C-alpha atoms as a PDB file:
ATOM      1  CA  MET A   1       9.407  -4.949 -38.548  1.00  0.00           C
ATOM      2  CA  ALA A   2      12.890  -4.989 -37.005  1.00  0.00           C
ATOM      3  CA  LEU A   3      13.166  -5.369 -33.260  1.00  0.00           C
ATOM      4  CA  GLU A   4      14.502  -2.378 -31.357  1.00  0.00           C
ATOM      5  CA  THR A   5      18.044  -3.170 -30.218  1.00  0.00           C
ATOM      6  CA  GLY A   6      19.028   0.092 -28.511  1.00  0.00           C
ATOM      7  CA  PRO A   7      18.590   0.672 -24.789  1.00  0.00           C
ATOM      8  CA  ARG A   8      15.112   1.602 -23.648  1.00  0.00           C
ATOM      9  CA  VAL A   9      13.185   2.106 -20.437  1.00  0.00           C
ATOM     10  CA  GLU A  10       9.846   0.339 -20.151  1.00  0.00           C
ATOM     11  CA  VAL A  11       7.326   2.412 -18.211  1.00  0.00           C
ATOM     12  CA  GLN A  12       4.160   1.527 -16.319  1.00  0.00           C
ATOM     13  CA  ILE A  13       2.150   4.133 -14.431  1.00  0.00           C
ATOM     14  CA  ARG A  14      -0.013   3.462 -11.373  1.00  0.00           C
ATOM     15  CA  ALA A  15      -1.913   5.804  -9.060  1.00  0.00           C
ATOM     16  CA  THR A  16      -4.109   5.688  -5.998  1.00  0.00           C
ATOM     17  CA  ARG A  17      -7.780   5.706  -6.999  1.00  0.00           C
ATOM     18  CA  ILE A  18      -8.783   8.664  -4.817  1.00  0.00           C
ATOM     19  CA  CYS A  19      -6.795  11.805  -4.032  1.00  0.00           C
ATOM     20  CA  TYR A  20      -7.827  13.576  -0.827  1.00  0.00           C
ATOM     21  CA  LEU A  21      -7.000  17.259  -1.158  1.00  0.00           C
ATOM     22  CA  SER A  22      -6.471  17.414   2.595  1.00  0.00           C
ATOM     23  CA  GLY A  23      -3.329  15.351   1.986  1.00  0.00           C
ATOM     24  CA  SER A  24      -4.307  12.487   4.273  1.00  0.00           C
ATOM     25  CA  PRO A  25      -4.456   9.621   3.610  1.00  0.00           C
ATOM     26  CA  ARG A  26      -1.647  10.186   1.149  1.00  0.00           C
ATOM     27  CA  PHE A  27      -2.080   9.978  -2.597  1.00  0.00           C
ATOM     28  CA  ASP A  28       0.656   8.242  -4.596  1.00  0.00           C
ATOM     29  CA  CYS A  29       1.508   7.972  -8.247  1.00  0.00           C
ATOM     30  CA  VAL A  30       4.125   5.292  -8.866  1.00  0.00           C
ATOM     31  CA  ILE A  31       6.015   5.084 -12.152  1.00  0.00           C
ATOM     32  CA  LEU A  32       7.490   1.605 -12.580  1.00  0.00           C
ATOM     33  CA  LEU A  33      10.630   1.471 -14.715  1.00  0.00           C
ATOM     34  CA  THR A  34      12.786  -1.273 -16.248  1.00  0.00           C
ATOM     35  CA  LEU A  35      15.948  -0.689 -18.284  1.00  0.00           C
ATOM     36  CA  ARG A  36      16.113  -3.018 -21.301  1.00  0.00           C
ATOM     37  CA  ASN A  37      18.966  -3.717 -23.738  1.00  0.00           C
ATOM     38  CA  GLY A  38      21.394  -1.878 -21.483  1.00  0.00           C
ATOM     39  CA  LYS A  39      24.892  -3.174 -20.791  1.00  0.00           C
ATOM     40  CA  GLU A  40      25.580  -1.262 -17.589  1.00  0.00           C
ATOM     41  CA  PRO A  41      23.733   0.833 -14.979  1.00  0.00           C
ATOM     42  CA  VAL A  42      22.499   4.289 -15.946  1.00  0.00           C
ATOM     43  CA  LEU A  43      21.838   7.386 -13.820  1.00  0.00           C
ATOM     44  CA  PHE A  44      18.790   9.374 -14.932  1.00  0.00           C
ATOM     45  CA  LEU A  45      18.050  12.917 -13.805  1.00  0.00           C
ATOM     46  CA  LYS A  46      15.032  12.495 -11.547  1.00  0.00           C
ATOM     47  CA  ASN A  47      14.679  16.039 -10.222  1.00  0.00           C
ATOM     48  CA  GLY A  48      16.364  19.438 -10.477  1.00  0.00           C
ATOM     49  CA  LEU A  49      18.475  21.423 -12.972  1.00  0.00           C
ATOM     50  CA  GLN A  50      15.239  22.673 -14.505  1.00  0.00           C
ATOM     51  CA  ASP A  51      16.721  26.108 -15.224  1.00  0.00           C
ATOM     52  CA  ILE A  52      19.318  24.699 -17.611  1.00  0.00           C
ATOM     53  CA  LYS A  53      17.731  24.081 -20.996  1.00  0.00           C
ATOM     54  CA  GLN A  54      19.794  21.106 -22.066  1.00  0.00           C
ATOM     55  CA  PHE A  55      18.798  19.078 -18.990  1.00  0.00           C
ATOM     56  CA  GLN A  56      15.504  17.207 -18.766  1.00  0.00           C
ATOM     57  CA  SER A  57      14.387  15.492 -15.544  1.00  0.00           C
ATOM     58  CA  ILE A  58      11.675  12.905 -14.965  1.00  0.00           C
ATOM     59  CA  ASN A  59       9.994  15.336 -12.564  1.00  0.00           C
ATOM     60  CA  SER A  60       8.708  17.590 -15.318  1.00  0.00           C
ATOM     61  CA  ASP A  61       5.262  18.522 -16.624  1.00  0.00           C
ATOM     62  CA  LYS A  62       6.603  17.746 -20.079  1.00  0.00           C
ATOM     63  CA  ILE A  63       6.972  14.128 -19.004  1.00  0.00           C
ATOM     64  CA  VAL A  64       4.272  13.603 -16.358  1.00  0.00           C
ATOM     65  CA  GLN A  65       1.106  15.558 -17.067  1.00  0.00           C
ATOM     66  CA  CYS A  66      -2.095  15.985 -15.051  1.00  0.00           C
ATOM     67  CA  ILE A  67      -5.139  16.533 -17.251  1.00  0.00           C
ATOM     68  CA  ASP A  68      -8.655  17.586 -16.235  1.00  0.00           C
ATOM     69  CA  ASN A  69     -10.887  14.840 -17.626  1.00  0.00           C
ATOM     70  CA  ASP A  70     -13.737  17.240 -18.400  1.00  0.00           C
ATOM     71  CA  THR A  71     -11.923  20.250 -19.865  1.00  0.00           C
ATOM     72  CA  GLY A  72      -8.671  18.734 -21.150  1.00  0.00           C
ATOM     73  CA  GLU A  73      -6.741  21.440 -19.297  1.00  0.00           C
ATOM     74  CA  GLN A  74      -3.261  20.544 -18.080  1.00  0.00           C
ATOM     75  CA  LEU A  75      -2.687  21.464 -14.431  1.00  0.00           C
ATOM     76  CA  PRO A  76       0.611  21.919 -12.570  1.00  0.00           C
ATOM     77  CA  VAL A  77       1.143  19.227  -9.920  1.00  0.00           C
ATOM     78  CA  LEU A  78       4.920  18.712  -9.877  1.00  0.00           C
ATOM     79  CA  CYS A  79       7.360  20.531  -7.595  1.00  0.00           C
ATOM     80  CA  GLN A  80      11.054  20.881  -8.349  1.00  0.00           C
ATOM     81  CA  GLY A  81      13.454  20.551  -5.444  1.00  0.00           C
ATOM     82  CA  PRO A  82      16.557  22.759  -5.059  1.00  0.00           C
ATOM     83  CA  LYS A  83      19.090  19.930  -5.260  1.00  0.00           C
ATOM     84  CA  PRO A  84      19.350  17.536  -8.202  1.00  0.00           C
ATOM     85  CA  SER A  85      18.504  13.900  -7.558  1.00  0.00           C
ATOM     86  CA  TYR A  86      19.043  10.850  -9.702  1.00  0.00           C
ATOM     87  CA  LEU A  87      17.543   7.469 -10.403  1.00  0.00           C
ATOM     88  CA  ARG A  88      19.896   4.535 -10.930  1.00  0.00           C
ATOM     89  CA  LEU A  89      18.554   1.791 -13.170  1.00  0.00           C
ATOM     90  CA  GLU A  90      20.382  -1.478 -13.696  1.00  0.00           C
ATOM     91  CA  PRO A  91      19.819  -3.609 -16.812  1.00  0.00           C
ATOM     92  CA  ASN A  92      16.663  -5.744 -16.590  1.00  0.00           C
ATOM     93  CA  ARG A  93      16.006  -4.779 -12.978  1.00  0.00           C
ATOM     94  CA  GLY A  94      13.028  -2.756 -11.833  1.00  0.00           C
ATOM     95  CA  GLY A  95      13.070   0.721 -10.360  1.00  0.00           C
ATOM     96  CA  TYR A  96      10.413   3.293  -9.643  1.00  0.00           C
ATOM     97  CA  VAL A  97       9.624   6.940  -9.003  1.00  0.00           C
ATOM     98  CA  THR A  98       6.950   7.913  -6.479  1.00  0.00           C
ATOM     99  CA  LEU A  99       5.000  11.182  -6.529  1.00  0.00           C
ATOM    100  CA  THR A 100       3.181  11.739  -3.245  1.00  0.00           C
ATOM    101  CA  THR A 101       1.030  14.202  -1.299  1.00  0.00           C
ATOM    102  CA  CYS A 102       2.691  13.073   1.950  1.00  0.00           C
ATOM    103  CA  ASP A 103       3.627  16.062   4.151  1.00  0.00           C
ATOM    104  CA  SER A 104       7.067  14.604   4.811  1.00  0.00           C
ATOM    105  CA  PRO A 105       8.120  12.691   1.697  1.00  0.00           C
ATOM    106  CA  LYS A 106      11.084  10.348   1.934  1.00  0.00           C
ATOM    107  CA  PRO A 107      14.313  11.479   0.223  1.00  0.00           C
ATOM    108  CA  TYR A 108      13.559   9.197  -2.730  1.00  0.00           C
ATOM    109  CA  GLU A 109       9.977  10.517  -3.155  1.00  0.00           C
ATOM    110  CA  LEU A 110       8.825  13.562  -5.121  1.00  0.00           C
ATOM    111  CA  ALA A 111       6.159  16.030  -4.006  1.00  0.00           C
ATOM    112  CA  PHE A 112       2.747  16.000  -5.703  1.00  0.00           C
ATOM    113  CA  ASP A 113       1.045  19.402  -5.365  1.00  0.00           C
ATOM    114  CA  THR A 114      -2.775  19.382  -5.326  1.00  0.00           C
ATOM    115  CA  SER A 115      -3.297  23.151  -4.919  1.00  0.00           C
ATOM    116  CA  SER A 116      -4.554  23.529  -8.514  1.00  0.00           C
ATOM    117  CA  LEU A 117      -6.993  20.584  -8.285  1.00  0.00           C
ATOM    118  CA  LEU A 118     -10.676  20.889  -7.441  1.00  0.00           C
ATOM    119  CA  PRO A 119     -12.718  18.514  -5.266  1.00  0.00           C
ATOM    120  CA  ASP A 120     -15.175  16.068  -6.834  1.00  0.00           C
ATOM    121  CA  HIS A 121     -13.320  16.099 -10.146  1.00  0.00           C
ATOM    122  CA  HIS A 122     -11.826  13.399 -12.306  1.00  0.00           C
ATOM    123  CA  TYR A 123      -8.241  13.795 -13.508  1.00  0.00           C
ATOM    124  CA  ARG A 124      -5.797  11.605 -15.328  1.00  0.00           C
ATOM    125  CA  LEU A 125      -2.045  11.367 -15.041  1.00  0.00           C
ATOM    126  CA  ARG A 126      -0.299  10.798 -18.343  1.00  0.00           C
ATOM    127  CA  PHE A 127       3.274   9.755 -19.023  1.00  0.00           C
ATOM    128  CA  ASN A 128       4.643  10.995 -22.329  1.00  0.00           C
ATOM    129  CA  GLN A 129       6.961   8.697 -24.204  1.00  0.00           C
ATOM    130  CA  THR A 130      10.301  10.413 -24.687  1.00  0.00           C
ATOM    131  CA  ASP A 131      13.986   9.990 -25.425  1.00  0.00           C
ATOM    132  CA  SER A 132      15.027  13.312 -23.905  1.00  0.00           C
ATOM    133  CA  ILE A 133      15.554  12.470 -20.227  1.00  0.00           C
ATOM    134  CA  THR A 134      19.101  13.371 -19.271  1.00  0.00           C
ATOM    135  CA  HIS A 135      21.312  10.507 -18.162  1.00  0.00           C
ATOM    136  CA  TRP A 136      24.895   9.641 -17.279  1.00  0.00           C
ATOM    137  CA  PRO A 137      26.938   6.461 -16.920  1.00  0.00           C
ATOM    138  CA  SER A 138      27.029   5.149 -13.361  1.00  0.00           C
ATOM    139  CA  ALA A 139      30.689   6.195 -13.073  1.00  0.00           C
ATOM    140  CA  SER A 140      29.490   9.823 -12.829  1.00  0.00           C
ATOM    141  CA  ALA A 141      27.684   9.198  -9.537  1.00  0.00           C
ATOM    142  CA  GLU A 142      30.342  10.700  -7.271  1.00  0.00           C
ATOM    143  CA  SER A 143      30.655  13.886  -9.321  1.00  0.00           C
ATOM    144  CA  LEU A 144      26.881  14.299  -9.505  1.00  0.00           C
ATOM    145  CA  ASP A 145      26.407  13.791  -5.772  1.00  0.00           C
ATOM    146  CA  ALA A 146      28.976  16.496  -5.083  1.00  0.00           C
ATOM    147  CA  LEU A 147      26.895  19.167  -6.829  1.00  0.00           C
ATOM    148  CA  SER A 148      25.464  21.827  -4.503  1.00  0.00           C
ATOM    149  CA  PRO A 149      22.389  23.978  -5.202  1.00  0.00           C
ATOM    150  CA  SER A 150      23.308  27.311  -6.741  1.00  0.00           C
ATOM    151  CA  PRO A 151      21.351  30.173  -8.325  1.00  0.00           C
ATOM    152  CA  GLU A 152      24.003  30.271 -11.022  1.00  0.00           C
ATOM    153  CA  TRP A 153      24.338  26.727 -12.283  1.00  0.00           C
ATOM    154  CA  SER A 154      27.151  26.321 -14.726  1.00  0.00           C
ATOM    155  CA  THR A 155      27.328  23.446 -17.154  1.00  0.00           C
ATOM    156  CA  VAL A 156      31.073  23.457 -16.508  1.00  0.00           C
ATOM    157  CA  ASP A 157      30.369  22.117 -13.024  1.00  0.00           C
ATOM    158  CA  ILE A 158      28.119  19.304 -14.223  1.00  0.00           C
ATOM    159  CA  PRO A 159      29.453  16.082 -15.769  1.00  0.00           C
ATOM    160  CA  THR A 160      28.685  15.805 -19.456  1.00  0.00           C
ATOM    161  CA  PRO A 161      25.562  13.689 -20.017  1.00  0.00           C
ATOM    162  CA  SER A 162      25.724  10.572 -22.134  1.00  0.00           C
ATOM    163  CA  PRO A 163      24.957  11.201 -25.847  1.00  0.00           C
ATOM    164  CA  THR A 164      23.269   7.791 -26.194  1.00  0.00           C
ATOM    165  CA  LYS A 165      19.545   8.066 -26.774  1.00  0.00           C
ATOM    166  CA  ILE A 166      17.452   5.956 -24.428  1.00  0.00           C
ATOM    167  CA  THR A 167      13.807   5.742 -25.366  1.00  0.00           C
ATOM    168  CA  TRP A 168      11.152   5.603 -22.628  1.00  0.00           C
ATOM    169  CA  THR A 169       8.258   3.490 -23.872  1.00  0.00           C
ATOM    170  CA  LEU A 170       4.907   2.676 -22.273  1.00  0.00           C
ATOM    171  CA  VAL A 171       3.951  -0.879 -21.401  1.00  0.00           C
ATOM    172  CA  GLY A 172       0.167  -0.814 -21.400  1.00  0.00           C
ATOM    173  CA  LYS A 173      -1.842   2.414 -21.286  1.00  0.00           C
ATOM    174  CA  ASN A 174      -0.128   5.752 -20.869  1.00  0.00           C
ATOM    175  CA  ASP A 175      -2.462   7.254 -18.276  1.00  0.00           C
ATOM    176  CA  VAL A 176      -4.354   6.523 -15.054  1.00  0.00           C
ATOM    177  CA  THR A 177      -7.506   8.205 -13.766  1.00  0.00           C
ATOM    178  CA  PHE A 178      -8.160   9.386 -10.228  1.00  0.00           C
ATOM    179  CA  THR A 179     -10.914  11.226  -8.382  1.00  0.00           C
ATOM    180  CA  THR A 180     -10.476  14.099  -5.950  1.00  0.00           C
ATOM    181  CA  LEU A 181     -12.316  14.497  -2.657  1.00  0.00           C
ATOM    182  CA  THR A 182     -11.799  17.202  -0.055  1.00  0.00           C
ATOM    183  CA  SER A 183     -11.191  14.755   2.797  1.00  0.00           C
ATOM    184  CA  PRO A 184     -12.062  11.177   3.751  1.00  0.00           C
ATOM    185  CA  SER A 185     -15.215  10.265   5.602  1.00  0.00           C
ATOM    186  CA  ALA A 186     -14.787   9.672   9.301  1.00  0.00           C
ATOM    187  CA  SER A 187     -13.982   6.030   9.974  1.00  0.00           C
ATOM    188  CA  PRO A 188     -16.860   4.021  11.448  1.00  0.00           C
ATOM    189  CA  LYS A 189     -16.558   2.760  14.986  1.00  0.00           C
ATOM    190  CA  ILE A 190     -16.371  -0.994  15.444  1.00  0.00           C
ATOM    191  CA  THR A 191     -17.099  -2.819  18.681  1.00  0.00           C
ATOM    192  CA  ALA A 192     -16.163  -6.484  19.127  1.00  0.00           C
ATOM    193  CA  THR A 193     -17.781  -8.859  21.603  1.00  0.00           C
ATOM    194  CA  LEU A 194     -16.415 -12.306  22.523  1.00  0.00           C
ATOM    195  CA  SER A 195     -18.546 -15.218  23.697  1.00  0.00           C
ATOM    196  CA  ALA A 196     -17.181 -18.678  24.569  1.00  0.00           C
ATOM    197  CA  PRO A 197     -18.068 -21.852  26.527  1.00  0.00           C
ATOM    198  CA  SER A 198     -16.982 -22.288  30.139  1.00  0.00           C
ATOM    199  CA  THR A 199     -15.288 -25.656  29.469  1.00  0.00           C
ATOM    200  CA  PHE A 200     -12.693 -26.846  26.956  1.00  0.00           C
ATOM    201  CA  SER A 201     -12.649 -30.565  26.133  1.00  0.00           C
ATOM    202  CA  LEU A 202      -9.221 -31.912  25.212  1.00  0.00           C
ATOM    203  CA  SER A 203     -10.988 -34.684  23.311  1.00  0.00           C
ATOM    204  CA  ASN A 204     -13.003 -32.093  21.356  1.00  0.00           C
ATOM    205  CA  ASN A 205     -16.222 -33.572  22.743  1.00  0.00           C
ATOM    206  CA  PRO A 206     -17.898 -31.188  22.340  1.00  0.00           C
ATOM    207  CA  PRO A 207     -15.717 -28.895  20.192  1.00  0.00           C
ATOM    208  CA  PHE A 208     -14.769 -25.581  21.762  1.00  0.00           C
ATOM    209  CA  THR A 209     -16.759 -23.127  19.645  1.00  0.00           C
ATOM    210  CA  PHE A 210     -16.613 -19.398  20.320  1.00  0.00           C
ATOM    211  CA  THR A 211     -18.162 -16.395  18.598  1.00  0.00           C
ATOM    212  CA  LEU A 212     -17.010 -12.879  17.791  1.00  0.00           C
ATOM    213  CA  THR A 213     -19.662 -10.288  17.056  1.00  0.00           C
ATOM    214  CA  PHE A 214     -18.619  -7.093  15.288  1.00  0.00           C
ATOM    215  CA  SER A 215     -20.963  -4.106  15.515  1.00  0.00           C
ATOM    216  CA  THR A 216     -20.722  -0.751  13.735  1.00  0.00           C
ATOM    217  CA  ASP A 217     -22.307   2.629  14.366  1.00  0.00           C
ATOM    218  CA  HIS A 218     -22.308   3.413  10.625  1.00  0.00           C
ATOM    219  CA  GLN A 219     -25.778   4.210   9.327  1.00  0.00           C
ATOM    220  CA  ALA A 220     -25.317   2.172   6.160  1.00  0.00           C
ATOM    221  CA  ALA A 221     -23.574  -1.114   5.352  1.00  0.00           C
ATOM    222  CA  ILE A 222     -19.800  -0.966   4.944  1.00  0.00           C
ATOM    223  CA  THR A 223     -17.153  -3.181   3.347  1.00  0.00           C
ATOM    224  CA  VAL A 224     -13.932  -3.685   5.306  1.00  0.00           C
ATOM    225  CA  LEU A 225     -10.665  -5.369   4.435  1.00  0.00           C
ATOM    226  CA  ALA A 226     -10.677  -7.785   7.375  1.00  0.00           C
ATOM    227  CA  GLU A 227      -9.063 -10.917   5.823  1.00  0.00           C
ATOM    228  CA  ARG A 228     -11.097 -13.098   8.161  1.00  0.00           C
ATOM    229  CA  PRO A 229     -10.176 -16.464   6.563  1.00  0.00           C
ATOM    230  CA  ARG A 230      -6.465 -15.773   7.137  1.00  0.00           C
ATOM    231  CA  VAL A 231      -7.065 -14.475  10.660  1.00  0.00           C
ATOM    232  CA  ALA A 232      -9.217 -17.494  11.538  1.00  0.00           C
ATOM    233  CA  CYS A 233      -6.723 -19.959  10.052  1.00  0.00           C
ATOM    234  CA  ASN A 234      -3.889 -18.557  12.170  1.00  0.00           C
ATOM    235  CA  ASP A 235      -6.042 -17.514  15.148  1.00  0.00           C
ATOM    236  CA  SER A 236      -3.993 -14.329  15.044  1.00  0.00           C
ATOM    237  CA  ASP A 237      -6.669 -12.250  16.781  1.00  0.00           C
ATOM    238  CA  ILE A 238      -6.854 -14.313  19.992  1.00  0.00           C
ATOM    239  CA  GLU A 239      -4.599 -15.637  22.700  1.00  0.00           C
ATOM    240  CA  ILE A 240      -4.937 -18.154  25.523  1.00  0.00           C
ATOM    241  CA  LEU A 241      -3.441 -17.364  28.910  1.00  0.00           C
ATOM    242  CA  ASP A 242      -2.890 -19.357  32.072  1.00  0.00           C
ATOM    243  CA  ALA A 243      -5.518 -17.833  34.391  1.00  0.00           C
ATOM    244  CA  GLU A 244      -3.231 -18.105  37.430  1.00  0.00           C
ATOM    245  CA  THR A 245       0.113 -16.896  36.069  1.00  0.00           C
ATOM    246  CA  GLY A 246      -0.951 -14.897  33.018  1.00  0.00           C
ATOM    247  CA  THR A 247       1.524 -16.886  30.902  1.00  0.00           C
ATOM    248  CA  ARG A 248       0.614 -17.000  27.229  1.00  0.00           C
ATOM    249  CA  ILE A 249      -0.220 -20.585  26.192  1.00  0.00           C
ATOM    250  CA  GLY A 250      -0.854 -20.046  22.495  1.00  0.00           C
ATOM    251  CA  PRO A 251      -1.620 -20.142  19.677  1.00  0.00           C
ATOM    252  CA  GLU A 252       1.720 -19.538  18.002  1.00  0.00           C
ATOM    253  CA  LEU A 253       1.825 -16.415  15.865  1.00  0.00           C
ATOM    254  CA  ILE A 254       2.498 -17.262  12.227  1.00  0.00           C
ATOM    255  CA  GLU A 255       3.726 -14.677   9.751  1.00  0.00           C
ATOM    256  CA  ASP A 256       2.504 -15.187   6.230  1.00  0.00           C
ATOM    257  CA  ASN A 257       3.313 -13.190   3.128  1.00  0.00           C
ATOM    258  CA  LEU A 258       0.482 -13.450   0.645  1.00  0.00           C
ATOM    259  CA  TYR A 259       0.652 -12.450  -3.003  1.00  0.00           C
ATOM    260  CA  GLY A 260      -1.695 -12.307  -5.927  1.00  0.00           C
ATOM    261  CA  PRO A 261      -5.015 -10.536  -6.330  1.00  0.00           C
ATOM    262  CA  TRP A 262      -7.353  -9.723  -3.481  1.00  0.00           C
ATOM    263  CA  GLN A 263     -10.116 -12.313  -3.093  1.00  0.00           C
ATOM    264  CA  ARG A 264     -13.785 -11.755  -2.255  1.00  0.00           C
ATOM    265  CA  GLU A 265     -13.379 -13.511   1.075  1.00  0.00           C
ATOM    266  CA  ASP A 266     -10.733 -10.967   2.132  1.00  0.00           C
ATOM    267  CA  PHE A 267     -13.535  -8.422   2.427  1.00  0.00           C
ATOM    268  CA  LEU A 268     -16.318  -8.382   4.994  1.00  0.00           C
ATOM    269  CA  ARG A 269     -19.676  -6.685   4.533  1.00  0.00           C
ATOM    270  CA  ILE A 270     -21.129  -5.401   7.806  1.00  0.00           C
ATOM    271  CA  ASP A 271     -24.692  -4.125   7.983  1.00  0.00           C
ATOM    272  CA  GLY A 272     -25.069  -3.229  11.638  1.00  0.00           C
ATOM    273  CA  THR A 273     -23.538  -6.446  13.023  1.00  0.00           C
ATOM    274  CA  TYR A 274     -21.618  -9.474  11.810  1.00  0.00           C
ATOM    275  CA  THR A 275     -21.158 -12.659  13.832  1.00  0.00           C
ATOM    276  CA  GLU A 276     -18.262 -15.038  13.254  1.00  0.00           C
ATOM    277  CA  THR A 277     -18.266 -18.548  14.719  1.00  0.00           C
ATOM    278  CA  ARG A 278     -14.991 -20.441  15.098  1.00  0.00           C
ATOM    279  CA  THR A 279     -13.789 -23.670  16.634  1.00  0.00           C
ATOM    280  CA  LEU A 280     -10.497 -23.898  18.515  1.00  0.00           C
ATOM    281  CA  ASP A 281      -9.073 -27.400  18.186  1.00  0.00           C
ATOM    282  CA  ALA A 282      -7.116 -28.726  21.161  1.00  0.00           C
ATOM    283  CA  LYS A 283      -4.733 -30.734  18.972  1.00  0.00           C
ATOM    284  CA  ARG A 284      -3.929 -27.766  16.773  1.00  0.00           C
ATOM    285  CA  LEU A 285      -3.332 -25.593  19.807  1.00  0.00           C
ATOM    286  CA  THR A 286      -0.734 -28.092  21.081  1.00  0.00           C
ATOM    287  CA  GLU A 287       0.943 -28.379  17.679  1.00  0.00           C
ATOM    288  CA  PHE A 288       1.209 -24.615  17.213  1.00  0.00           C
ATOM    289  CA  GLY A 289       2.723 -23.494  20.468  1.00  0.00           C
ATOM    290  CA  GLY A 290       0.367 -24.925  23.090  1.00  0.00           C
ATOM    291  CA  GLN A 291       2.148 -25.736  26.334  1.00  0.00           C
ATOM    292  CA  GLY A 292       0.070 -28.718  27.457  1.00  0.00           C
ATOM    293  CA  MET A 293      -3.156 -27.412  29.006  1.00  0.00           C
ATOM    294  CA  ARG A 294      -3.948 -29.438  32.092  1.00  0.00           C
ATOM    295  CA  VAL A 295      -7.276 -30.971  33.032  1.00  0.00           C
ATOM    296  CA  GLY A 296      -8.925 -29.012  35.849  1.00  0.00           C
ATOM    297  CA  GLN A 297      -6.850 -25.892  35.185  1.00  0.00           C
ATOM    298  CA  GLU A 298      -8.466 -22.541  34.346  1.00  0.00           C
ATOM    299  CA  TYR A 299      -7.412 -20.558  31.307  1.00  0.00           C
ATOM    300  CA  VAL A 300      -8.427 -17.301  29.651  1.00  0.00           C
ATOM    301  CA  LEU A 301      -9.447 -16.854  26.022  1.00  0.00           C
ATOM    302  CA  ARG A 302      -8.822 -13.234  25.071  1.00  0.00           C
ATOM    303  CA  HIS A 303      -9.681 -11.416  21.884  1.00  0.00           C
ATOM    304  CA  LEU A 304      -6.970  -8.944  20.838  1.00  0.00           C
ATOM    305  CA  GLY A 305      -7.693  -5.525  19.488  1.00  0.00           C
ATOM    306  CA  GLU A 306      -7.506  -5.242  15.713  1.00  0.00           C
ATOM    307  CA  ILE A 307      -6.892  -2.730  12.942  1.00  0.00           C
ATOM    308  CA  TRP A 308      -8.807  -2.930   9.684  1.00  0.00           C
ATOM    309  CA  GLU A 309      -6.729  -0.717   7.444  1.00  0.00           C
ATOM    310  CA  TRP A 310      -9.244  -0.142   4.654  1.00  0.00           C
ATOM    311  CA  TRP A 311     -13.012   0.333   4.371  1.00  0.00           C
ATOM    312  CA  SER A 312     -15.598   1.636   1.918  1.00  0.00           C
ATOM    313  CA  ASP A 313     -19.317   2.175   1.444  1.00  0.00           C
ATOM    314  CA  ASP A 314     -18.999   0.246  -1.835  1.00  0.00           C
ATOM    315  CA  THR A 315     -20.389  -3.276  -2.027  1.00  0.00           C
ATOM    316  CA  ILE A 316     -17.987  -6.204  -2.314  1.00  0.00           C
ATOM    317  CA  ASP A 317     -18.983  -6.592  -5.990  1.00  0.00           C
ATOM    318  CA  GLU A 318     -18.007  -2.960  -6.605  1.00  0.00           C
ATOM    319  CA  VAL A 319     -14.765  -3.309  -4.647  1.00  0.00           C
ATOM    320  CA  MET A 320     -13.682  -6.360  -6.641  1.00  0.00           C
ATOM    321  CA  LYS A 321     -13.808  -4.326  -9.846  1.00  0.00           C
ATOM    322  CA  TYR A 322     -10.910  -2.146  -8.696  1.00  0.00           C
ATOM    323  CA  ALA A 323      -9.213  -4.080  -5.859  1.00  0.00           C
ATOM    324  CA  GLY A 324      -6.399  -5.484  -8.009  1.00  0.00           C
ATOM    325  CA  GLU A 325      -3.261  -7.042  -6.538  1.00  0.00           C
ATOM    326  CA  ARG A 326      -2.243  -7.323  -2.898  1.00  0.00           C
ATOM    327  CA  GLY A 327       0.270  -4.607  -2.245  1.00  0.00           C
ATOM    328  CA  GLY A 328      -0.957  -2.762  -5.333  1.00  0.00           C
ATOM    329  CA  MET A 329      -2.711   0.586  -5.508  1.00  0.00           C
ATOM    330  CA  GLY A 330      -6.190  -0.503  -6.561  1.00  0.00           C
ATOM    331  CA  LEU A 331      -7.803  -0.092  -3.166  1.00  0.00           C
ATOM    332  CA  GLY A 332      -6.112   3.187  -2.398  1.00  0.00           C
ATOM    333  CA  ARG A 333      -5.907   4.308   1.222  1.00  0.00           C
ATOM    334  CA  THR A 334      -8.472   5.164   3.857  1.00  0.00           C
ATOM    335  CA  GLU A 335      -8.292   6.062   7.508  1.00  0.00           C
ATOM    336  CA  GLY A 336      -8.112   2.687   9.187  1.00  0.00           C
ATOM    337  CA  ILE A 337     -10.567   1.327  11.728  1.00  0.00           C
ATOM    338  CA  GLN A 338      -8.926   0.457  15.029  1.00  0.00           C
ATOM    339  CA  PHE A 339     -10.967  -1.197  17.735  1.00  0.00           C
ATOM    340  CA  GLU A 340     -10.287  -2.584  21.173  1.00  0.00           C
ATOM    341  CA  SER A 341     -10.397  -6.135  22.460  1.00  0.00           C
ATOM    342  CA  GLY A 342     -13.748  -7.878  22.420  1.00  0.00           C
ATOM    343  CA  GLY A 343     -13.057  -9.001  25.958  1.00  0.00           C
ATOM    344  CA  GLU A 344     -12.007 -12.269  27.549  1.00  0.00           C
ATOM    345  CA  MET A 345     -13.683 -15.451  28.801  1.00  0.00           C
ATOM    346  CA  ARG A 346     -12.487 -17.940  31.430  1.00  0.00           C
ATOM    347  CA  PHE A 347     -12.813 -21.635  30.815  1.00  0.00           C
ATOM    348  CA  ARG A 348     -11.826 -24.835  32.598  1.00  0.00           C
ATOM    349  CA  VAL A 349     -10.157 -27.755  30.804  1.00  0.00           C
ATOM    350  CA  VAL A 350     -11.889 -31.137  30.960  1.00  0.00           C
ATOM    351  CA  GLU A 351     -11.096 -34.459  29.358  1.00  0.00           C
END
């Protein structure tokens, strides 16, 4: 079988696992695109010009279809904007199109209309392989941008599309499934409580061990994306202050960009309460921003308020089946859990 040598666009489709018909948190469908075998950038018609037969945009129910899983019925979910918009793809570089239920989509996003969808249903979004999406060479960008919406579009006003056929082919499966719910459950309330010793030994004898207790008012156990190992490693949820001046002593805030799949330890299962015990090492504090705590001086250990951006009633085992990659869409979105500081404790430094 001969290898395809003409230009093509490789397509992958992703979607948030749950679509809340209330519109919040937002539902997204992301179509990942890569132009292969192309020699120069190409402008594809992303949206608009739907009333002119010879033009085919990406934002079309011929290309992206929403199907009821139970009945097989196709439902309208795409909305055409008044002004044409375009997607520029460069050879062997990724691009994407986002469909969203967000009330105020960004200029590069397309509206996803849920008015025809029912709650507690399963739907799938399907991308149809095609070679009919209208496109132009990148040199046409200025002429295309100059087009203004008009009830009487004339093909004379529009640059002639490229005659070259570019096939859009799926990489992996051609559809994704999602579930509809009317609205998200109210986020549980979390209360944090800090407990710590009254003395801090610079020789770590004994080690300075403190505890954080997290309590929830939720009637059943919940799973939260708390990333406690990362937080504990960086001590990013606490700070130490000079008790007299209020000057921040440490620890130094470290930004880390993590990649790869979510791990089990990123998630925390809370059934009523969860207690975390940690040790703050004097040497590490000095290395990472500590300003030389003095023997006999009083300091304050303060827990900072936190935001846990995702939670679920599902067990950690269930979550790991769909969590996927960090920054991916496997978890979907929930109303985050924001809670206040667990308080502060004074301590005195000893040798």
